[in-house]
Amino acid sequence: MQQRSTLSISALLLLVIPAMTWAAPDPTSEAGIRKISQILNRRSSTLDEHQGNMRTALKQVQTFRASTPTPPASYLGTAALLASQAQFNLESYHEALGEVDIALKYPLEKSQHALALFIKSILYQQTGDELKAISVLYSLKNTFPNDRITPQAWFLLAELLAGEGRAPEAIAVLDTFKSLPASAPMAAQITTTQGNLRLIGTTPKAFSTTAMDGRTISLAQYRGKVVLLDFWATWCGPCRQSMPEIKSLYAKYNPKGFDILAVSLDHKKSDVEGYVMREGMPWRQVADGRGWRSEIARLYGVTAIPTTYLIDRRGNIAGVNLRGKRLEDTVKRLLKKS
């Protein structure tokens, strides 16, 4: 089962311990760690199977911790990191944070310590504490400036800064990677994100297409409203997680001039129709069934979801990837403007 979700997709990939090495190898403990990792990395064809693998991995972690003799401290730290991955994939973010904190109490190798901080920042993001996530990412940068996850960490940092309305700071963060070759990991996403941030204050790219209801839809139809252009999919965990917040925002501010135009990156229109009906999502949807090849997604250079653009009454982009309180505060401020 492949899931491509947030900017933190790179982090999801890195949650698998990439190269497990220990200063004092212990063959028995190493075998136990690799067994947990193998369970976490089993391919799953359904969500139930995927979640089952994560629960099996957590049971294996418990078994490992109860081993006799007790595994060396460094291995227990690695086991906690693997447990955090399982909890993360089960969307049990607070439990995952607890496991990361356990891991950080042990003498981790440098690469694993950096990874633990990266995971912690993502978990703070998922639990709505962006300021703590930003603080952890700056700590990671200062402590491990040359670690291989630095580009991913800075990329997430830029996303969070943009969400807090700190676009110039976010652009400066991404400028750190000007020297990256075009073929380098994250290079394309970094370039796209810098472009998105520089879009603030500009007019969004116009489009006109057929909505899921069969009628024509365009951004021009929303002129005079504050509109959230939302790229999402039913298979995107963070998209689903944010849905109660988005629905609440719509219910609260739609009567005052706020609206949502959603663009689904699903491959089946029926998946979107069923989800929209079950969730009670009254705003209009574009679902052309082309996934990442969606014409509008390609027009906007979308490489990760959820991706959102908040557009003011005059038709200019006022924010990119705003979430939580920052999104609501910006919507309120824009609605007050004539």
Foldseek 3Di string as FASTA:
>chain_A
DDAFFFLCSVLLVVLQPDDDDDPDDDVVLVVLLVVLSVLQPDDDPDPVSNLVSLVVSLVSLVVLCPDPPGDDQQSNLSSLSSNLSSCVSVVVLVVSLVSLVSSCVGPYDLLVVLSSLLSNLVSCVSVPNNVVSLVSLVVSCVVPVPHPCNLSSLLVNLLSCLLLVNLVVSLVSLVVCVVPDCPDPCNLVSVLVNVVSVQAFHFDDWDWDAWLVRDIDIVVVLAQAWEKEWEEEPSHPSVVVCVVVVVVLCVVCVVLGYAYEYEYLAQDSVRVVVVCVVSVPPGIYHYPNNHCVPVVNVVSVDDHPGWIFTAANRRGTNGINHDDPSVSVVNVVRSVDD
